[in-house]
Amino acid sequence: MESEVVSSYFSRENENQRASNEISDDFLHLVDELNNSLENIKLPRAIECIYNPTLYARQTFEIYIRKYCNTKKDIMYFGMNPGPWGMSQTGVPFGEIKSVRDWLGIDGPVNKPLNEIKNRPVQGFQCTRTEVSGKRFWGVIKEICGTPDNFFKTSFVYNYLPQQWMKNSGCNLTPGDFKYTILTTYSTLGDKMLAWNYASLILAKNVLPQTKPLEGTPTPN
């Protein structure tokens, strides 16, 4: 009886796919752990409403993670938290809609947050507002790298925390509105995201003030 010969190419391909899935799954598991921890935090009085797009925009959020967070990265870019017309609409960090749909190649249904504010509606990819910071950020990346694959070979983009904080009027709140004790609690949780990948370079813009940064973590001006 002759032995069946299977090409080693397919074995390597399957191993690479399993490794990619494990990295994406690990990241998603860390996100879920962070969300569970955030549920147990007593909110500052100033916060009257929270949007967390890693929950209600889960489908497009997972597409982003599985498509672009499937290898270890040399460089991690971090924003502070979701913007009202970016990630809060699309589930993608700095998620200006045209950049997400037309350049990153991500589209899909977005559900509603549990407590939606009239002045800050979540319309998903039907939203007509523009997240200016996202448009600039992904525009520069596109200009430099040409294609998403070229950028994500070495880099990944995420937010320090997944929550958008607001008053009932829809007015955004920033970490500067919180007491120091709350900041330290948030920073302890957010630092887990910074440390996840052990990247050689972490670029963290506007991460929580008045907290001790990770040793060796550069912060751009």
N, C-alpha and C. Protein backbone atom coordinates (compact mmCIF):
# COMPACT_ATOMS: atom_id res chain seq x y z
N MET A 1 0.85 -1.19 0.00
CA MET A 1 0.00 0.00 0.00
C MET A 1 0.88 1.25 0.00
N GLU A 2 0.67 2.11 -0.97
CA GLU A 2 1.49 3.31 -1.09
C GLU A 2 1.04 4.37 -0.09
N SER A 3 2.01 5.09 0.44
CA SER A 3 1.72 6.18 1.38
C SER A 3 1.25 7.41 0.61
N GLU A 4 0.29 8.09 1.18
CA GLU A 4 -0.18 9.33 0.57
C GLU A 4 0.82 10.44 0.84
N VAL A 5 1.20 11.15 -0.18
CA VAL A 5 2.15 12.25 -0.05
C VAL A 5 1.39 13.56 -0.08
N VAL A 6 1.56 14.35 0.96
CA VAL A 6 0.91 15.65 1.04
C VAL A 6 1.97 16.73 0.98
N SER A 7 1.78 17.72 0.13
CA SER A 7 2.76 18.78 -0.04
C SER A 7 2.99 19.53 1.27
N SER A 8 4.25 19.79 1.58
CA SER A 8 4.57 20.55 2.79
C SER A 8 4.08 21.99 2.69
N TYR A 9 3.85 22.44 1.46
CA TYR A 9 3.35 23.81 1.27
C TYR A 9 2.02 24.01 1.99
N PHE A 10 1.11 23.02 1.83
CA PHE A 10 -0.20 23.14 2.44
C PHE A 10 -0.11 23.04 3.96
N SER A 11 0.85 22.24 4.46
CA SER A 11 1.04 22.14 5.90
C SER A 11 1.49 23.48 6.47
N ARG A 12 2.45 24.11 5.78
CA ARG A 12 2.93 25.41 6.24
C ARG A 12 1.82 26.45 6.16
N GLU A 13 1.03 26.37 5.09
CA GLU A 13 -0.06 27.33 4.91
C GLU A 13 -1.07 27.19 6.05
N ASN A 14 -1.40 25.95 6.41
CA ASN A 14 -2.35 25.72 7.50
C ASN A 14 -1.79 26.20 8.84
N GLU A 15 -0.49 25.95 9.05
CA GLU A 15 0.15 26.39 10.29
C GLU A 15 0.14 27.91 10.38
N ASN A 16 0.43 28.57 9.27
CA ASN A 16 0.42 30.04 9.26
C ASN A 16 -0.97 30.58 9.54
N GLN A 17 -1.99 29.93 8.98
CA GLN A 17 -3.37 30.36 9.19
C GLN A 17 -3.76 30.18 10.65
N ARG A 18 -3.35 29.05 11.25
CA ARG A 18 -3.66 28.82 12.66
C ARG A 18 -2.98 29.86 13.54
N ALA A 19 -1.73 30.18 13.21
CA ALA A 19 -1.01 31.18 14.00
C ALA A 19 -1.68 32.54 13.89
N SER A 20 -2.12 32.90 12.67
CA SER A 20 -2.80 34.18 12.48
C SER A 20 -4.10 34.23 13.28
N ASN A 21 -4.86 33.13 13.24
CA ASN A 21 -6.11 33.08 13.99
C ASN A 21 -5.86 33.20 15.49
N GLU A 22 -4.79 32.57 15.97
CA GLU A 22 -4.48 32.63 17.40
C GLU A 22 -4.16 34.06 17.84
N ILE A 23 -3.42 34.79 17.02
CA ILE A 23 -3.08 36.17 17.37
C ILE A 23 -4.34 37.03 17.41
N SER A 24 -5.21 36.90 16.41
CA SER A 24 -6.46 37.66 16.39
C SER A 24 -7.34 37.28 17.57
N ASP A 25 -7.44 35.98 17.85
CA ASP A 25 -8.26 35.51 18.96
C ASP A 25 -7.73 36.03 20.29
N ASP A 26 -6.41 36.02 20.45
CA ASP A 26 -5.81 36.53 21.69
C ASP A 26 -6.15 38.00 21.89
N PHE A 27 -6.07 38.78 20.81
CA PHE A 27 -6.36 40.21 20.93
C PHE A 27 -7.83 40.42 21.28
N LEU A 28 -8.71 39.70 20.62
CA LEU A 28 -10.14 39.84 20.90
C LEU A 28 -10.46 39.41 22.33
N HIS A 29 -9.77 38.39 22.80
CA HIS A 29 -9.97 37.94 24.18
C HIS A 29 -9.54 39.03 25.15
N LEU A 30 -8.42 39.70 24.87
CA LEU A 30 -7.96 40.79 25.72
C LEU A 30 -8.95 41.94 25.71
N VAL A 31 -9.52 42.24 24.54
CA VAL A 31 -10.54 43.30 24.44
C VAL A 31 -11.75 42.94 25.30
N ASP A 32 -12.18 41.69 25.25
CA ASP A 32 -13.34 41.26 26.04
C ASP A 32 -13.03 41.33 27.54
N GLU A 33 -11.82 40.95 27.92
CA GLU A 33 -11.43 41.06 29.33
C GLU A 33 -11.44 42.51 29.79
N LEU A 34 -10.93 43.40 28.94
CA LEU A 34 -10.92 44.83 29.26
C LEU A 34 -12.34 45.35 29.42
N ASN A 35 -13.23 44.95 28.50
CA ASN A 35 -14.62 45.40 28.60
C ASN A 35 -15.28 44.91 29.89
N ASN A 36 -14.99 43.67 30.28
CA ASN A 36 -15.54 43.14 31.53
C ASN A 36 -15.04 43.95 32.73
N SER A 37 -13.76 44.31 32.69
CA SER A 37 -13.20 45.10 33.79
C SER A 37 -13.81 46.50 33.83
N LEU A 38 -14.03 47.09 32.66
CA LEU A 38 -14.62 48.42 32.60
C LEU A 38 -16.04 48.44 33.17
N GLU A 39 -16.74 47.31 33.03
CA GLU A 39 -18.11 47.23 33.56
C GLU A 39 -18.13 47.38 35.07
N ASN A 40 -17.03 47.02 35.72
CA ASN A 40 -16.96 47.04 37.18
C ASN A 40 -16.46 48.36 37.76
N ILE A 41 -16.14 49.31 36.87
CA ILE A 41 -15.64 50.60 37.35
C ILE A 41 -16.81 51.53 37.67
N LYS A 42 -16.75 52.16 38.82
CA LYS A 42 -17.74 53.16 39.17
C LYS A 42 -17.46 54.41 38.35
N LEU A 43 -18.44 54.79 37.55
CA LEU A 43 -18.23 55.88 36.61
C LEU A 43 -18.10 57.22 37.32
N PRO A 44 -17.23 58.09 36.79
CA PRO A 44 -17.20 59.47 37.28
C PRO A 44 -18.57 60.12 37.08
N ARG A 45 -18.95 61.01 37.99
CA ARG A 45 -20.27 61.64 37.89
C ARG A 45 -20.46 62.40 36.58
N ALA A 46 -19.36 62.87 36.04
CA ALA A 46 -19.46 63.65 34.80
C ALA A 46 -19.95 62.80 33.63
N ILE A 47 -19.70 61.48 33.66
CA ILE A 47 -20.09 60.61 32.56
C ILE A 47 -21.55 60.21 32.71
N GLU A 48 -22.35 60.57 31.73
CA GLU A 48 -23.77 60.23 31.74
C GLU A 48 -24.13 59.22 30.67
N CYS A 49 -23.21 59.02 29.72
CA CYS A 49 -23.46 58.06 28.64
C CYS A 49 -22.14 57.55 28.09
N ILE A 50 -22.12 56.26 27.74
CA ILE A 50 -20.91 55.65 27.17
C ILE A 50 -21.28 54.90 25.90
N TYR A 51 -20.50 55.13 24.85
CA TYR A 51 -20.57 54.30 23.65
C TYR A 51 -19.32 53.41 23.62
N ASN A 52 -19.52 52.13 23.39
CA ASN A 52 -18.40 51.19 23.25
C ASN A 52 -18.57 50.42 21.94
N PRO A 53 -17.97 50.89 20.86
CA PRO A 53 -18.18 50.25 19.55
C PRO A 53 -17.59 48.84 19.43
N THR A 54 -16.71 48.44 20.36
CA THR A 54 -16.23 47.05 20.31
C THR A 54 -17.35 46.10 20.69
N LEU A 55 -18.45 46.64 21.21
CA LEU A 55 -19.62 45.83 21.56
C LEU A 55 -20.71 45.93 20.50
N TYR A 56 -21.21 47.15 20.25
CA TYR A 56 -22.36 47.27 19.34
C TYR A 56 -21.95 47.27 17.86
N ALA A 57 -20.69 47.58 17.56
CA ALA A 57 -20.20 47.49 16.17
C ALA A 57 -19.28 46.28 16.04
N ARG A 58 -19.66 45.20 16.70
CA ARG A 58 -18.77 44.05 16.83
C ARG A 58 -18.39 43.43 15.49
N GLN A 59 -19.32 43.37 14.55
CA GLN A 59 -19.03 42.71 13.28
C GLN A 59 -17.90 43.40 12.52
N THR A 60 -18.00 44.70 12.34
CA THR A 60 -16.95 45.41 11.60
C THR A 60 -15.68 45.53 12.43
N PHE A 61 -15.83 45.62 13.75
CA PHE A 61 -14.66 45.63 14.63
C PHE A 61 -13.86 44.34 14.49
N GLU A 62 -14.55 43.22 14.50
CA GLU A 62 -13.86 41.93 14.36
C GLU A 62 -13.25 41.77 12.97
N ILE A 63 -13.92 42.28 11.96
CA ILE A 63 -13.33 42.23 10.61
C ILE A 63 -11.98 42.94 10.62
N TYR A 64 -11.95 44.12 11.24
CA TYR A 64 -10.70 44.89 11.33
C TYR A 64 -9.62 44.10 12.05
N ILE A 65 -9.95 43.51 13.19
CA ILE A 65 -8.96 42.76 13.97
C ILE A 65 -8.47 41.55 13.19
N ARG A 66 -9.36 40.77 12.65
CA ARG A 66 -8.96 39.53 11.97
C ARG A 66 -8.25 39.80 10.64
N LYS A 67 -8.56 40.92 10.04
CA LYS A 67 -7.93 41.24 8.75
C LYS A 67 -6.54 41.82 8.93
N TYR A 68 -6.36 42.62 9.99
CA TYR A 68 -5.11 43.37 10.11
C TYR A 68 -4.31 43.11 11.39
N CYS A 69 -4.89 42.42 12.35
CA CYS A 69 -4.17 42.10 13.58
C CYS A 69 -3.98 40.58 13.66
N ASN A 70 -3.27 40.03 12.69
CA ASN A 70 -3.06 38.58 12.64
C ASN A 70 -1.58 38.20 12.60
N THR A 71 -0.72 39.18 12.85
CA THR A 71 0.72 38.94 12.99
C THR A 71 1.24 39.85 14.10
N LYS A 72 2.37 39.48 14.69
CA LYS A 72 3.01 40.36 15.65
C LYS A 72 3.51 41.61 14.94
N LYS A 73 3.42 42.74 15.61
CA LYS A 73 3.75 44.02 14.99
C LYS A 73 5.00 44.63 15.61
N ASP A 74 5.73 45.37 14.79
CA ASP A 74 6.89 46.12 15.29
C ASP A 74 6.48 47.47 15.85
N ILE A 75 5.42 48.05 15.30
CA ILE A 75 4.98 49.38 15.69
C ILE A 75 3.49 49.36 16.00
N MET A 76 3.13 49.94 17.15
CA MET A 76 1.72 50.08 17.52
C MET A 76 1.38 51.56 17.67
N TYR A 77 0.33 51.99 17.00
CA TYR A 77 -0.17 53.36 17.13
C TYR A 77 -1.42 53.34 18.02
N PHE A 78 -1.46 54.23 18.99
CA PHE A 78 -2.61 54.30 19.89
C PHE A 78 -3.20 55.70 19.92
N GLY A 79 -4.52 55.77 19.72
CA GLY A 79 -5.25 56.97 20.04
C GLY A 79 -5.79 56.85 21.46
N MET A 80 -6.53 57.86 21.91
CA MET A 80 -7.05 57.85 23.27
C MET A 80 -8.28 56.94 23.39
N ASN A 81 -9.33 57.28 22.63
CA ASN A 81 -10.59 56.53 22.69
C ASN A 81 -11.41 56.87 21.44
N PRO A 82 -12.51 56.18 21.20
CA PRO A 82 -13.27 56.39 19.97
C PRO A 82 -13.78 57.82 19.80
N GLY A 83 -13.76 58.28 18.55
CA GLY A 83 -14.33 59.58 18.21
C GLY A 83 -15.78 59.41 17.77
N PRO A 84 -16.60 60.44 17.91
CA PRO A 84 -18.04 60.31 17.64
C PRO A 84 -18.40 60.01 16.20
N TRP A 85 -17.56 60.46 15.24
CA TRP A 85 -17.87 60.25 13.83
C TRP A 85 -16.90 59.28 13.17
N GLY A 86 -16.09 58.62 14.00
CA GLY A 86 -15.13 57.64 13.49
C GLY A 86 -15.42 56.26 14.02
N MET A 87 -14.64 55.83 15.00
CA MET A 87 -14.80 54.47 15.52
C MET A 87 -16.19 54.23 16.11
N SER A 88 -16.80 55.27 16.68
CA SER A 88 -18.14 55.08 17.24
C SER A 88 -19.18 54.78 16.16
N GLN A 89 -18.84 55.09 14.90
CA GLN A 89 -19.74 54.77 13.78
C GLN A 89 -19.35 53.47 13.07
N THR A 90 -18.05 53.21 12.96
CA THR A 90 -17.59 52.11 12.11
C THR A 90 -17.00 50.92 12.86
N GLY A 91 -16.61 51.12 14.13
CA GLY A 91 -15.96 50.05 14.88
C GLY A 91 -14.47 49.94 14.60
N VAL A 92 -13.93 50.88 13.84
CA VAL A 92 -12.51 50.86 13.46
C VAL A 92 -11.82 52.10 14.02
N PRO A 93 -10.67 51.96 14.67
CA PRO A 93 -9.98 53.13 15.22
C PRO A 93 -9.69 54.21 14.16
N PHE A 94 -9.86 55.46 14.53
CA PHE A 94 -9.72 56.58 13.60
C PHE A 94 -10.60 56.34 12.37
N GLY A 95 -11.78 55.76 12.61
CA GLY A 95 -12.58 55.15 11.55
C GLY A 95 -13.39 56.08 10.69
N GLU A 96 -12.77 57.07 10.09
CA GLU A 96 -13.45 57.91 9.11
C GLU A 96 -14.03 57.01 8.01
N ILE A 97 -15.28 57.21 7.70
CA ILE A 97 -16.04 56.22 6.94
C ILE A 97 -15.44 55.91 5.57
N LYS A 98 -15.09 56.92 4.78
CA LYS A 98 -14.55 56.65 3.45
C LYS A 98 -13.22 55.92 3.53
N SER A 99 -12.40 56.26 4.51
CA SER A 99 -11.11 55.58 4.66
C SER A 99 -11.31 54.11 5.01
N VAL A 100 -12.25 53.85 5.91
CA VAL A 100 -12.52 52.48 6.34
C VAL A 100 -13.09 51.65 5.20
N ARG A 101 -14.07 52.20 4.53
CA ARG A 101 -14.76 51.45 3.48
C ARG A 101 -13.92 51.33 2.21
N ASP A 102 -13.35 52.45 1.76
CA ASP A 102 -12.72 52.47 0.44
C ASP A 102 -11.25 52.08 0.46
N TRP A 103 -10.55 52.32 1.58
CA TRP A 103 -9.12 51.97 1.63
C TRP A 103 -8.85 50.72 2.45
N LEU A 104 -9.45 50.64 3.64
CA LEU A 104 -9.24 49.45 4.46
C LEU A 104 -10.09 48.27 3.98
N GLY A 105 -11.11 48.55 3.18
CA GLY A 105 -11.94 47.48 2.63
C GLY A 105 -12.86 46.84 3.65
N ILE A 106 -13.38 47.64 4.59
CA ILE A 106 -14.25 47.12 5.64
C ILE A 106 -15.60 47.82 5.57
N ASP A 107 -16.65 47.02 5.60
CA ASP A 107 -18.01 47.54 5.57
C ASP A 107 -18.90 46.50 6.21
N GLY A 108 -20.05 46.93 6.71
CA GLY A 108 -20.97 45.97 7.32
C GLY A 108 -21.96 46.67 8.22
N PRO A 109 -22.89 45.90 8.77
CA PRO A 109 -23.92 46.48 9.64
C PRO A 109 -23.35 46.87 10.99
N VAL A 110 -23.89 47.95 11.54
CA VAL A 110 -23.51 48.43 12.87
C VAL A 110 -24.78 48.57 13.69
N ASN A 111 -24.82 47.94 14.85
CA ASN A 111 -25.98 48.03 15.72
C ASN A 111 -25.98 49.34 16.51
N LYS A 112 -26.97 49.50 17.35
CA LYS A 112 -27.09 50.69 18.18
C LYS A 112 -26.52 50.42 19.58
N PRO A 113 -25.93 51.44 20.22
CA PRO A 113 -25.56 51.29 21.62
C PRO A 113 -26.81 51.19 22.49
N LEU A 114 -26.65 50.66 23.70
CA LEU A 114 -27.81 50.47 24.58
C LEU A 114 -28.48 51.79 24.89
N ASN A 115 -27.70 52.82 25.11
CA ASN A 115 -28.24 54.13 25.45
C ASN A 115 -27.75 55.14 24.41
N GLU A 116 -28.56 55.37 23.39
CA GLU A 116 -28.15 56.26 22.30
C GLU A 116 -28.62 57.69 22.57
N ILE A 117 -27.73 58.63 22.36
CA ILE A 117 -28.05 60.05 22.56
C ILE A 117 -28.53 60.64 21.24
N LYS A 118 -29.59 61.42 21.30
CA LYS A 118 -30.18 62.01 20.10
C LYS A 118 -29.17 62.85 19.34
N ASN A 119 -28.36 63.61 20.06
CA ASN A 119 -27.39 64.50 19.41
C ASN A 119 -26.14 63.77 18.92
N ARG A 120 -26.00 62.49 19.27
CA ARG A 120 -24.86 61.69 18.81
C ARG A 120 -25.37 60.35 18.28
N PRO A 121 -26.17 60.39 17.21
CA PRO A 121 -26.74 59.14 16.69
C PRO A 121 -25.68 58.24 16.08
N VAL A 122 -25.87 56.94 16.25
CA VAL A 122 -24.99 55.97 15.60
C VAL A 122 -25.70 55.48 14.34
N GLN A 123 -25.16 55.87 13.21
CA GLN A 123 -25.75 55.53 11.91
C GLN A 123 -24.87 54.61 11.09
N GLY A 124 -23.77 54.16 11.69
CA GLY A 124 -22.87 53.27 10.99
C GLY A 124 -22.30 53.91 9.73
N PHE A 125 -22.23 53.14 8.68
CA PHE A 125 -21.63 53.62 7.43
C PHE A 125 -22.56 54.55 6.65
N GLN A 126 -23.76 54.77 7.19
CA GLN A 126 -24.67 55.74 6.59
C GLN A 126 -24.45 57.14 7.15
N CYS A 127 -23.60 57.26 8.14
CA CYS A 127 -23.33 58.57 8.75
C CYS A 127 -22.70 59.51 7.72
N THR A 128 -23.15 60.74 7.70
CA THR A 128 -22.65 61.70 6.72
C THR A 128 -21.59 62.64 7.30
N ARG A 129 -21.32 62.52 8.61
CA ARG A 129 -20.30 63.35 9.24
C ARG A 129 -18.91 62.76 8.99
N THR A 130 -17.89 63.58 9.12
CA THR A 130 -16.51 63.15 8.85
C THR A 130 -15.67 63.25 10.12
N GLU A 131 -14.97 62.19 10.45
CA GLU A 131 -14.00 62.21 11.55
C GLU A 131 -12.69 62.77 10.99
N VAL A 132 -12.45 64.04 11.26
CA VAL A 132 -11.34 64.75 10.64
C VAL A 132 -10.00 64.10 10.98
N SER A 133 -9.81 63.74 12.25
CA SER A 133 -8.53 63.14 12.65
C SER A 133 -8.30 61.82 11.92
N GLY A 134 -9.36 61.04 11.72
CA GLY A 134 -9.23 59.78 11.00
C GLY A 134 -8.93 59.98 9.53
N LYS A 135 -9.58 60.97 8.93
CA LYS A 135 -9.32 61.28 7.52
C LYS A 135 -7.86 61.67 7.32
N ARG A 136 -7.33 62.48 8.24
CA ARG A 136 -5.93 62.89 8.15
C ARG A 136 -5.00 61.72 8.40
N PHE A 137 -5.29 60.95 9.44
CA PHE A 137 -4.40 59.85 9.82
C PHE A 137 -4.29 58.82 8.70
N TRP A 138 -5.42 58.27 8.27
CA TRP A 138 -5.37 57.24 7.23
C TRP A 138 -4.92 57.82 5.89
N GLY A 139 -5.19 59.10 5.67
CA GLY A 139 -4.71 59.74 4.45
C GLY A 139 -3.20 59.78 4.38
N VAL A 140 -2.56 60.10 5.50
CA VAL A 140 -1.09 60.11 5.55
C VAL A 140 -0.54 58.70 5.37
N ILE A 141 -1.16 57.72 6.05
CA ILE A 141 -0.70 56.34 5.94
C ILE A 141 -0.83 55.85 4.49
N LYS A 142 -1.92 56.20 3.84
CA LYS A 142 -2.12 55.80 2.45
C LYS A 142 -1.07 56.43 1.55
N GLU A 143 -0.78 57.70 1.79
CA GLU A 143 0.21 58.41 0.98
C GLU A 143 1.59 57.78 1.13
N ILE A 144 1.94 57.36 2.33
CA ILE A 144 3.26 56.79 2.59
C ILE A 144 3.36 55.34 2.14
N CYS A 145 2.33 54.55 2.45
CA CYS A 145 2.41 53.10 2.26
C CYS A 145 1.74 52.60 0.98
N GLY A 146 0.82 53.34 0.44
CA GLY A 146 0.17 52.92 -0.79
C GLY A 146 -0.99 51.98 -0.56
N THR A 147 -0.73 50.83 0.08
CA THR A 147 -1.78 49.84 0.33
C THR A 147 -1.84 49.50 1.82
N PRO A 148 -3.01 49.07 2.30
CA PRO A 148 -3.11 48.65 3.71
C PRO A 148 -2.13 47.55 4.06
N ASP A 149 -1.93 46.57 3.17
CA ASP A 149 -1.03 45.45 3.46
C ASP A 149 0.38 45.94 3.75
N ASN A 150 0.84 46.93 3.01
CA ASN A 150 2.19 47.45 3.25
C ASN A 150 2.31 48.04 4.65
N PHE A 151 1.26 48.72 5.09
CA PHE A 151 1.29 49.33 6.42
C PHE A 151 1.18 48.28 7.52
N PHE A 152 0.22 47.37 7.39
CA PHE A 152 -0.07 46.43 8.46
C PHE A 152 0.92 45.27 8.54
N LYS A 153 1.85 45.18 7.61
CA LYS A 153 2.92 44.18 7.74
C LYS A 153 3.71 44.41 9.03
N THR A 154 3.90 45.67 9.38
CA THR A 154 4.74 45.99 10.54
C THR A 154 3.97 46.72 11.64
N SER A 155 2.77 47.22 11.35
CA SER A 155 2.12 48.17 12.26
C SER A 155 0.67 47.80 12.52
N PHE A 156 0.14 48.38 13.60
CA PHE A 156 -1.27 48.22 13.91
C PHE A 156 -1.75 49.47 14.63
N VAL A 157 -3.04 49.75 14.51
CA VAL A 157 -3.64 50.96 15.08
C VAL A 157 -4.78 50.55 16.00
N TYR A 158 -4.78 51.10 17.20
CA TYR A 158 -5.85 50.80 18.14
C TYR A 158 -6.05 51.99 19.06
N ASN A 159 -7.00 51.87 19.99
CA ASN A 159 -7.24 52.91 20.98
C ASN A 159 -6.89 52.39 22.37
N TYR A 160 -6.38 53.29 23.18
CA TYR A 160 -5.99 52.95 24.55
C TYR A 160 -7.18 52.38 25.32
N LEU A 161 -8.34 52.98 25.16
CA LEU A 161 -9.58 52.50 25.77
C LEU A 161 -10.69 52.52 24.73
N PRO A 162 -11.67 51.61 24.83
CA PRO A 162 -12.68 51.48 23.78
C PRO A 162 -13.94 52.30 24.00
N GLN A 163 -13.95 53.16 25.00
CA GLN A 163 -15.17 53.89 25.34
C GLN A 163 -15.13 55.35 24.92
N GLN A 164 -16.26 55.83 24.38
CA GLN A 164 -16.48 57.26 24.18
C GLN A 164 -17.35 57.75 25.33
N TRP A 165 -16.88 58.77 26.05
CA TRP A 165 -17.57 59.28 27.24
C TRP A 165 -18.31 60.58 26.90
N MET A 166 -19.55 60.68 27.36
CA MET A 166 -20.35 61.86 27.03
C MET A 166 -21.27 62.27 28.17
N LYS A 167 -21.70 63.52 28.11
CA LYS A 167 -22.85 63.97 28.88
C LYS A 167 -24.11 63.64 28.10
N ASN A 168 -25.25 63.77 28.74
CA ASN A 168 -26.51 63.46 28.05
C ASN A 168 -26.78 64.39 26.89
N SER A 169 -26.13 65.55 26.90
CA SER A 169 -26.28 66.49 25.79
C SER A 169 -25.52 66.04 24.55
N GLY A 170 -24.66 65.03 24.72
CA GLY A 170 -23.81 64.58 23.63
C GLY A 170 -22.42 65.21 23.67
N CYS A 171 -22.20 66.10 24.61
CA CYS A 171 -20.89 66.74 24.75
C CYS A 171 -19.85 65.71 25.17
N ASN A 172 -18.75 65.67 24.43
CA ASN A 172 -17.68 64.73 24.75
C ASN A 172 -16.98 65.10 26.04
N LEU A 173 -16.56 64.07 26.78
CA LEU A 173 -15.74 64.26 27.96
C LEU A 173 -14.35 63.70 27.69
N THR A 174 -13.36 64.32 28.28
CA THR A 174 -11.98 63.88 28.12
C THR A 174 -11.42 63.46 29.48
N PRO A 175 -10.29 62.73 29.50
CA PRO A 175 -9.71 62.33 30.78
C PRO A 175 -9.42 63.50 31.71
N GLY A 176 -9.22 64.68 31.16
CA GLY A 176 -8.98 65.85 31.99
C GLY A 176 -10.17 66.20 32.87
N ASP A 177 -11.36 65.64 32.55
CA ASP A 177 -12.55 65.91 33.34
C ASP A 177 -12.68 64.96 34.53
N PHE A 178 -11.78 63.96 34.62
CA PHE A 178 -11.88 62.94 35.65
C PHE A 178 -10.93 63.20 36.81
N LYS A 179 -11.28 62.66 37.98
CA LYS A 179 -10.39 62.73 39.12
C LYS A 179 -9.21 61.79 38.94
N TYR A 180 -8.14 62.08 39.66
CA TYR A 180 -6.90 61.31 39.52
C TYR A 180 -7.12 59.83 39.83
N THR A 181 -7.94 59.53 40.83
CA THR A 181 -8.16 58.13 41.20
C THR A 181 -8.81 57.35 40.07
N ILE A 182 -9.71 58.02 39.34
CA ILE A 182 -10.34 57.37 38.19
C ILE A 182 -9.32 57.19 37.07
N LEU A 183 -8.48 58.19 36.86
CA LEU A 183 -7.47 58.11 35.82
C LEU A 183 -6.53 56.94 36.04
N THR A 184 -6.11 56.74 37.27
CA THR A 184 -5.19 55.64 37.54
C THR A 184 -5.85 54.29 37.30
N THR A 185 -7.13 54.19 37.61
CA THR A 185 -7.86 52.94 37.35
C THR A 185 -7.94 52.68 35.86
N TYR A 186 -8.32 53.70 35.09
CA TYR A 186 -8.39 53.56 33.64
C TYR A 186 -7.01 53.25 33.04
N SER A 187 -5.97 53.89 33.55
CA SER A 187 -4.64 53.70 32.97
C SER A 187 -4.12 52.30 33.24
N THR A 188 -4.45 51.73 34.40
CA THR A 188 -4.04 50.36 34.70
C THR A 188 -4.63 49.38 33.69
N LEU A 189 -5.89 49.61 33.32
CA LEU A 189 -6.54 48.75 32.34
C LEU A 189 -6.00 49.01 30.93
N GLY A 190 -5.87 50.28 30.59
CA GLY A 190 -5.40 50.63 29.24
C GLY A 190 -3.98 50.17 28.97
N ASP A 191 -3.14 50.15 29.99
CA ASP A 191 -1.75 49.72 29.81
C ASP A 191 -1.64 48.27 29.34
N LYS A 192 -2.67 47.48 29.62
CA LYS A 192 -2.66 46.09 29.15
C LYS A 192 -2.68 46.04 27.62
N MET A 193 -3.37 47.01 27.01
CA MET A 193 -3.39 47.07 25.55
C MET A 193 -2.03 47.49 25.02
N LEU A 194 -1.37 48.43 25.71
CA LEU A 194 -0.05 48.87 25.28
C LEU A 194 0.95 47.73 25.33
N ALA A 195 0.81 46.86 26.33
CA ALA A 195 1.80 45.81 26.55
C ALA A 195 1.51 44.53 25.78
N TRP A 196 0.36 44.43 25.16
CA TRP A 196 -0.06 43.17 24.55
C TRP A 196 0.93 42.62 23.54
N ASN A 197 1.41 43.47 22.66
CA ASN A 197 2.18 43.00 21.51
C ASN A 197 3.69 42.98 21.72
N TYR A 198 4.16 43.62 22.77
CA TYR A 198 5.60 43.76 23.00
C TYR A 198 6.29 44.37 21.78
N ALA A 199 5.64 45.34 21.17
CA ALA A 199 6.20 46.00 20.00
C ALA A 199 7.47 46.76 20.39
N SER A 200 8.35 46.91 19.42
CA SER A 200 9.60 47.63 19.69
C SER A 200 9.37 49.14 19.75
N LEU A 201 8.26 49.62 19.18
CA LEU A 201 7.95 51.05 19.20
C LEU A 201 6.45 51.24 19.40
N ILE A 202 6.10 52.03 20.40
CA ILE A 202 4.70 52.35 20.66
C ILE A 202 4.52 53.85 20.55
N LEU A 203 3.63 54.27 19.68
CA LEU A 203 3.34 55.70 19.51
C LEU A 203 1.95 55.95 20.10
N ALA A 204 1.92 56.63 21.22
CA ALA A 204 0.67 56.85 21.94
C ALA A 204 0.39 58.33 22.03
N LYS A 205 -0.66 58.76 21.36
CA LYS A 205 -1.01 60.18 21.30
C LYS A 205 -2.19 60.48 22.22
N ASN A 206 -2.00 61.46 23.13
CA ASN A 206 -3.07 61.91 24.01
C ASN A 206 -3.61 60.82 24.93
N VAL A 207 -2.73 59.90 25.35
CA VAL A 207 -3.13 58.89 26.31
C VAL A 207 -3.24 59.53 27.68
N LEU A 208 -3.98 58.91 28.58
CA LEU A 208 -4.41 59.51 29.84
C LEU A 208 -3.36 60.40 30.51
N PRO A 209 -3.70 61.63 30.85
CA PRO A 209 -2.77 62.52 31.52
C PRO A 209 -2.63 62.17 32.99
N GLN A 210 -1.56 62.70 33.61
CA GLN A 210 -1.33 62.56 35.03
C GLN A 210 -1.15 61.12 35.46
N THR A 211 -0.75 60.26 34.56
CA THR A 211 -0.46 58.89 34.92
C THR A 211 0.94 58.56 34.47
N LYS A 212 1.55 57.58 35.08
CA LYS A 212 2.92 57.22 34.77
C LYS A 212 2.97 56.40 33.50
N PRO A 213 3.71 56.83 32.47
CA PRO A 213 3.77 56.08 31.21
C PRO A 213 4.58 54.81 31.37
N LEU A 214 4.35 53.86 30.47
CA LEU A 214 5.17 52.66 30.45
C LEU A 214 6.61 53.04 30.19
N GLU A 215 7.52 52.38 30.86
CA GLU A 215 8.94 52.68 30.68
C GLU A 215 9.34 52.41 29.23
N GLY A 216 9.98 53.40 28.63
CA GLY A 216 10.45 53.24 27.26
C GLY A 216 9.40 53.52 26.21
N THR A 217 8.21 53.97 26.63
CA THR A 217 7.14 54.26 25.67
C THR A 217 7.29 55.68 25.16
N PRO A 218 7.61 55.88 23.88
CA PRO A 218 7.76 57.23 23.36
C PRO A 218 6.40 57.86 23.11
N THR A 219 6.29 59.15 23.32
CA THR A 219 5.06 59.87 23.04
C THR A 219 5.38 61.01 22.08
N PRO A 220 4.81 61.02 20.87
CA PRO A 220 5.10 62.06 19.89
C PRO A 220 4.60 63.41 20.36
N ASN A 221 5.26 64.47 19.90
CA ASN A 221 4.81 65.83 20.26
C ASN A 221 3.55 66.18 19.49
